[in-house]
Amino acid sequence: MLLKHVLLRIGAVGAAVVALAACGGSKKQSVAETALPPGCTVPEVAKTVREFLDAPTLAPPPFFAVYGSKESDGRTFLSRNRAKVLAHLRARRQLGEHSRVIALRIAQQDVNHVRITFRLTRLAPDFRHRGLYTRLVSGAGTIDCAHQKVAAWISKGP
């Protein structure tokens, strides 16, 4: 139930980001980028996300909020415990899982955070055994700009 609530909230934020992005125009984009908090420019956030996918790290304890993953075979993982999340992510990496960013959208949340929505390809050797044949993942999260780390991450898929 908590995962559903978090996904609904993130979906609403994602819809707002898409609506704002649809306004378009290079002048508006440059104004939006300058409004992003220090440490969270578009290239910095893209780098933070890539680094998170390559070698999982999270925002420090008082700044980390939540990590959740819902997969199409029914498996879910949801935790607000930073150590438990890191152990889960490292175990997935040891199993050979890797992801690649396809699309990333960024919007200011407050003076120290940006909201992100993303699409990824996600691959792991155990997916075929589990009946997972698609690779696409979508989700949303929050980046802690002061530490340039993931503070929240919710994904769905494959």
C-alpha atoms as a PDB file:
ATOM      1  CA  MET A   1       0.000   0.000   0.000  1.00  0.00           C
ATOM      2  CA  LEU A   2       2.858   2.384   0.839  1.00  0.00           C
ATOM      3  CA  LEU A   3       4.508   1.646  -2.508  1.00  0.00           C
ATOM      4  CA  LYS A   4       1.237   2.419  -4.324  1.00  0.00           C
ATOM      5  CA  HIS A   5       0.913   5.729  -2.426  1.00  0.00           C
ATOM      6  CA  VAL A   6       4.511   6.689  -3.223  1.00  0.00           C
ATOM      7  CA  LEU A   7       4.067   5.747  -6.893  1.00  0.00           C
ATOM      8  CA  LEU A   8       0.873   7.852  -7.107  1.00  0.00           C
ATOM      9  CA  ARG A   9       2.628  10.870  -5.592  1.00  0.00           C
ATOM     10  CA  ILE A  10       5.592  10.462  -7.911  1.00  0.00           C
ATOM     11  CA  GLY A  11       3.242  10.049 -10.880  1.00  0.00           C
ATOM     12  CA  ALA A  12       1.593  13.380 -10.058  1.00  0.00           C
ATOM     13  CA  VAL A  13       4.953  15.114  -9.846  1.00  0.00           C
ATOM     14  CA  GLY A  14       6.034  13.440 -13.080  1.00  0.00           C
ATOM     15  CA  ALA A  15       2.912  14.712 -14.844  1.00  0.00           C
ATOM     16  CA  ALA A  16       3.698  18.229 -13.659  1.00  0.00           C
ATOM     17  CA  VAL A  17       7.266  17.923 -14.950  1.00  0.00           C
ATOM     18  CA  VAL A  18       6.021  16.735 -18.345  1.00  0.00           C
ATOM     19  CA  ALA A  19       3.507  19.580 -18.473  1.00  0.00           C
ATOM     20  CA  LEU A  20       6.205  22.123 -17.667  1.00  0.00           C
ATOM     21  CA  ALA A  21       8.590  20.598 -20.188  1.00  0.00           C
ATOM     22  CA  ALA A  22       5.881  20.765 -22.863  1.00  0.00           C
ATOM     23  CA  CYS A  23       5.927  24.574 -22.571  1.00  0.00           C
ATOM     24  CA  GLY A  24       9.236  24.382 -24.479  1.00  0.00           C
ATOM     25  CA  GLY A  25      11.253  27.265 -25.821  1.00  0.00           C
ATOM     26  CA  SER A  26      14.978  27.681 -25.422  1.00  0.00           C
ATOM     27  CA  LYS A  27      14.599  30.826 -23.305  1.00  0.00           C
ATOM     28  CA  LYS A  28      12.348  29.029 -20.799  1.00  0.00           C
ATOM     29  CA  GLN A  29      14.740  26.079 -20.649  1.00  0.00           C
ATOM     30  CA  SER A  30      17.717  28.293 -19.805  1.00  0.00           C
ATOM     31  CA  VAL A  31      15.702  30.083 -17.094  1.00  0.00           C
ATOM     32  CA  ALA A  32      14.595  26.723 -15.662  1.00  0.00           C
ATOM     33  CA  GLU A  33      18.162  25.404 -15.622  1.00  0.00           C
ATOM     34  CA  THR A  34      19.478  28.476 -13.802  1.00  0.00           C
ATOM     35  CA  ALA A  35      16.706  28.012 -11.211  1.00  0.00           C
ATOM     36  CA  LEU A  36      18.073  24.583 -10.270  1.00  0.00           C
ATOM     37  CA  PRO A  37      19.873  24.415  -6.903  1.00  0.00           C
ATOM     38  CA  PRO A  38      23.686  24.461  -6.766  1.00  0.00           C
ATOM     39  CA  GLY A  39      25.038  20.962  -7.314  1.00  0.00           C
ATOM     40  CA  CYS A  40      22.042  19.981  -9.438  1.00  0.00           C
ATOM     41  CA  THR A  41      22.641  21.345 -12.895  1.00  0.00           C
ATOM     42  CA  VAL A  42      21.453  19.056 -15.672  1.00  0.00           C
ATOM     43  CA  PRO A  43      24.946  17.586 -16.265  1.00  0.00           C
ATOM     44  CA  GLU A  44      25.511  17.143 -12.502  1.00  0.00           C
ATOM     45  CA  VAL A  45      22.208  15.321 -11.996  1.00  0.00           C
ATOM     46  CA  ALA A  46      22.855  13.098 -15.029  1.00  0.00           C
ATOM     47  CA  LYS A  47      26.261  12.229 -13.563  1.00  0.00           C
ATOM     48  CA  THR A  48      24.739  11.532 -10.117  1.00  0.00           C
ATOM     49  CA  VAL A  49      22.200   9.143 -11.643  1.00  0.00           C
ATOM     50  CA  ARG A  50      24.823   7.346 -13.758  1.00  0.00           C
ATOM     51  CA  GLU A  51      27.093   6.961 -10.722  1.00  0.00           C
ATOM     52  CA  PHE A  52      24.160   5.630  -8.666  1.00  0.00           C
ATOM     53  CA  LEU A  53      23.448   3.014 -11.327  1.00  0.00           C
ATOM     54  CA  ASP A  54      27.126   2.039 -11.676  1.00  0.00           C
ATOM     55  CA  ALA A  55      28.046   1.928  -7.974  1.00  0.00           C
ATOM     56  CA  PRO A  56      25.052   2.490  -5.683  1.00  0.00           C
ATOM     57  CA  THR A  57      25.442   5.168  -3.034  1.00  0.00           C
ATOM     58  CA  LEU A  58      22.732   7.169  -1.311  1.00  0.00           C
ATOM     59  CA  ALA A  59      22.341  10.508   0.409  1.00  0.00           C
ATOM     60  CA  PRO A  60      23.522  10.520   4.059  1.00  0.00           C
ATOM     61  CA  PRO A  61      21.046   9.174   6.664  1.00  0.00           C
ATOM     62  CA  PRO A  62      19.170  12.344   7.554  1.00  0.00           C
ATOM     63  CA  PHE A  63      18.682  13.134   3.844  1.00  0.00           C
ATOM     64  CA  PHE A  64      17.839   9.676   2.483  1.00  0.00           C
ATOM     65  CA  ALA A  65      14.076   9.097   2.253  1.00  0.00           C
ATOM     66  CA  VAL A  66      13.073   5.911   0.418  1.00  0.00           C
ATOM     67  CA  TYR A  67      13.968   3.323  -2.205  1.00  0.00           C
ATOM     68  CA  GLY A  68      11.396   1.125  -3.916  1.00  0.00           C
ATOM     69  CA  SER A  69      11.285  -1.233  -6.857  1.00  0.00           C
ATOM     70  CA  LYS A  70       8.301  -3.092  -8.277  1.00  0.00           C
ATOM     71  CA  GLU A  71       9.045  -5.722 -10.900  1.00  0.00           C
ATOM     72  CA  SER A  72       6.673  -7.285 -13.395  1.00  0.00           C
ATOM     73  CA  ASP A  73       7.058 -10.757 -11.838  1.00  0.00           C
ATOM     74  CA  GLY A  74       5.470  -9.405  -8.649  1.00  0.00           C
ATOM     75  CA  ARG A  75       8.635  -8.898  -6.619  1.00  0.00           C
ATOM     76  CA  THR A  76       8.800  -5.662  -4.687  1.00  0.00           C
ATOM     77  CA  PHE A  77      11.410  -4.064  -2.502  1.00  0.00           C
ATOM     78  CA  LEU A  78      10.581  -0.991  -0.445  1.00  0.00           C
ATOM     79  CA  SER A  79      12.617   0.422   2.405  1.00  0.00           C
ATOM     80  CA  ARG A  80      13.445   3.638   4.221  1.00  0.00           C
ATOM     81  CA  ASN A  81      16.424   1.913   5.869  1.00  0.00           C
ATOM     82  CA  ARG A  82      19.519   3.183   4.058  1.00  0.00           C
ATOM     83  CA  ALA A  83      21.767   0.245   5.038  1.00  0.00           C
ATOM     84  CA  LYS A  84      19.154  -2.287   3.925  1.00  0.00           C
ATOM     85  CA  VAL A  85      18.745  -0.501   0.570  1.00  0.00           C
ATOM     86  CA  LEU A  86      22.498  -0.383  -0.047  1.00  0.00           C
ATOM     87  CA  ALA A  87      22.801  -4.090   0.760  1.00  0.00           C
ATOM     88  CA  HIS A  88      19.971  -4.878  -1.670  1.00  0.00           C
ATOM     89  CA  LEU A  89      21.483  -2.759  -4.455  1.00  0.00           C
ATOM     90  CA  ARG A  90      24.959  -4.209  -3.975  1.00  0.00           C
ATOM     91  CA  ALA A  91      23.555  -7.754  -4.023  1.00  0.00           C
ATOM     92  CA  ARG A  92      21.806  -7.000  -7.326  1.00  0.00           C
ATOM     93  CA  ARG A  93      25.077  -5.650  -8.749  1.00  0.00           C
ATOM     94  CA  GLN A  94      26.903  -8.803  -7.610  1.00  0.00           C
ATOM     95  CA  LEU A  95      24.304 -10.848  -9.486  1.00  0.00           C
ATOM     96  CA  GLY A  96      25.336  -8.973 -12.631  1.00  0.00           C
ATOM     97  CA  GLU A  97      22.519  -6.452 -12.856  1.00  0.00           C
ATOM     98  CA  HIS A  98      23.197  -3.226 -14.715  1.00  0.00           C
ATOM     99  CA  SER A  99      21.092  -0.327 -15.968  1.00  0.00           C
ATOM    100  CA  ARG A 100      21.438   2.438 -18.520  1.00  0.00           C
ATOM    101  CA  VAL A 101      19.611   5.782 -18.632  1.00  0.00           C
ATOM    102  CA  ILE A 102      17.379   6.304 -21.672  1.00  0.00           C
ATOM    103  CA  ALA A 103      15.613   9.500 -20.564  1.00  0.00           C
ATOM    104  CA  LEU A 104      15.974  11.820 -17.589  1.00  0.00           C
ATOM    105  CA  ARG A 105      13.841  14.840 -16.672  1.00  0.00           C
ATOM    106  CA  ILE A 106      14.730  17.242 -13.898  1.00  0.00           C
ATOM    107  CA  ALA A 107      12.619  19.809 -12.018  1.00  0.00           C
ATOM    108  CA  GLN A 108      13.370  21.957  -8.995  1.00  0.00           C
ATOM    109  CA  GLN A 109      11.779  20.706  -5.780  1.00  0.00           C
ATOM    110  CA  ASP A 110      13.246  23.098  -3.184  1.00  0.00           C
ATOM    111  CA  VAL A 111      16.518  24.908  -2.396  1.00  0.00           C
ATOM    112  CA  ASN A 112      18.442  21.647  -1.957  1.00  0.00           C
ATOM    113  CA  HIS A 113      16.566  19.029  -4.021  1.00  0.00           C
ATOM    114  CA  VAL A 114      15.452  18.297  -7.551  1.00  0.00           C
ATOM    115  CA  ARG A 115      12.831  15.795  -8.627  1.00  0.00           C
ATOM    116  CA  ILE A 116      13.682  13.426 -11.427  1.00  0.00           C
ATOM    117  CA  THR A 117      11.683  11.166 -13.673  1.00  0.00           C
ATOM    118  CA  PHE A 118      13.505   8.554 -15.686  1.00  0.00           C
ATOM    119  CA  ARG A 119      13.381   5.668 -18.121  1.00  0.00           C
ATOM    120  CA  LEU A 120      16.064   3.001 -18.026  1.00  0.00           C
ATOM    121  CA  THR A 121      17.026  -0.284 -19.549  1.00  0.00           C
ATOM    122  CA  ARG A 122      17.701  -2.798 -16.809  1.00  0.00           C
ATOM    123  CA  LEU A 123      19.368  -6.159 -17.403  1.00  0.00           C
ATOM    124  CA  ALA A 124      20.277  -9.029 -15.091  1.00  0.00           C
ATOM    125  CA  PRO A 125      21.221 -12.672 -15.631  1.00  0.00           C
ATOM    126  CA  ASP A 126      18.352 -13.877 -13.395  1.00  0.00           C
ATOM    127  CA  PHE A 127      15.624 -12.052 -15.344  1.00  0.00           C
ATOM    128  CA  ARG A 128      15.062 -14.798 -17.934  1.00  0.00           C
ATOM    129  CA  HIS A 129      14.791 -17.463 -15.184  1.00  0.00           C
ATOM    130  CA  ARG A 130      12.191 -15.241 -13.483  1.00  0.00           C
ATOM    131  CA  GLY A 131      10.230 -14.821 -16.724  1.00  0.00           C
ATOM    132  CA  LEU A 132      11.260 -11.195 -17.251  1.00  0.00           C
ATOM    133  CA  TYR A 133      11.843 -10.518 -20.928  1.00  0.00           C
ATOM    134  CA  THR A 134      11.387  -6.770 -21.127  1.00  0.00           C
ATOM    135  CA  ARG A 135      14.127  -4.380 -20.051  1.00  0.00           C
ATOM    136  CA  LEU A 136      12.301  -1.076 -19.706  1.00  0.00           C
ATOM    137  CA  VAL A 137      11.988   0.631 -16.328  1.00  0.00           C
ATOM    138  CA  SER A 138      10.282   3.895 -15.448  1.00  0.00           C
ATOM    139  CA  GLY A 139      10.360   5.805 -12.226  1.00  0.00           C
ATOM    140  CA  ALA A 140      10.972   8.961 -10.274  1.00  0.00           C
ATOM    141  CA  GLY A 141      13.052  10.179  -7.410  1.00  0.00           C
ATOM    142  CA  THR A 142      14.785  12.987  -5.604  1.00  0.00           C
ATOM    143  CA  ILE A 143      18.398  14.121  -5.762  1.00  0.00           C
ATOM    144  CA  ASP A 144      20.026  15.721  -2.703  1.00  0.00           C
ATOM    145  CA  CYS A 145      21.965  18.550  -4.360  1.00  0.00           C
ATOM    146  CA  ALA A 146      24.298  19.320  -1.438  1.00  0.00           C
ATOM    147  CA  HIS A 147      25.660  15.766  -1.483  1.00  0.00           C
ATOM    148  CA  GLN A 148      24.930  14.982  -5.151  1.00  0.00           C
ATOM    149  CA  LYS A 149      23.379  11.670  -4.139  1.00  0.00           C
ATOM    150  CA  VAL A 150      20.036   9.926  -4.571  1.00  0.00           C
ATOM    151  CA  ALA A 151      17.668  10.722  -1.697  1.00  0.00           C
ATOM    152  CA  ALA A 152      14.620   8.867  -3.074  1.00  0.00           C
ATOM    153  CA  TRP A 153      14.158   6.354  -5.903  1.00  0.00           C
ATOM    154  CA  ILE A 154      11.008   4.519  -6.937  1.00  0.00           C
ATOM    155  CA  SER A 155      10.986   2.377 -10.069  1.00  0.00           C
ATOM    156  CA  LYS A 156       8.622   0.025 -11.853  1.00  0.00           C
ATOM    157  CA  GLY A 157       9.799  -2.681 -14.193  1.00  0.00           C
ATOM    158  CA  PRO A 158      10.977  -4.651 -15.879  1.00  0.00           C
END
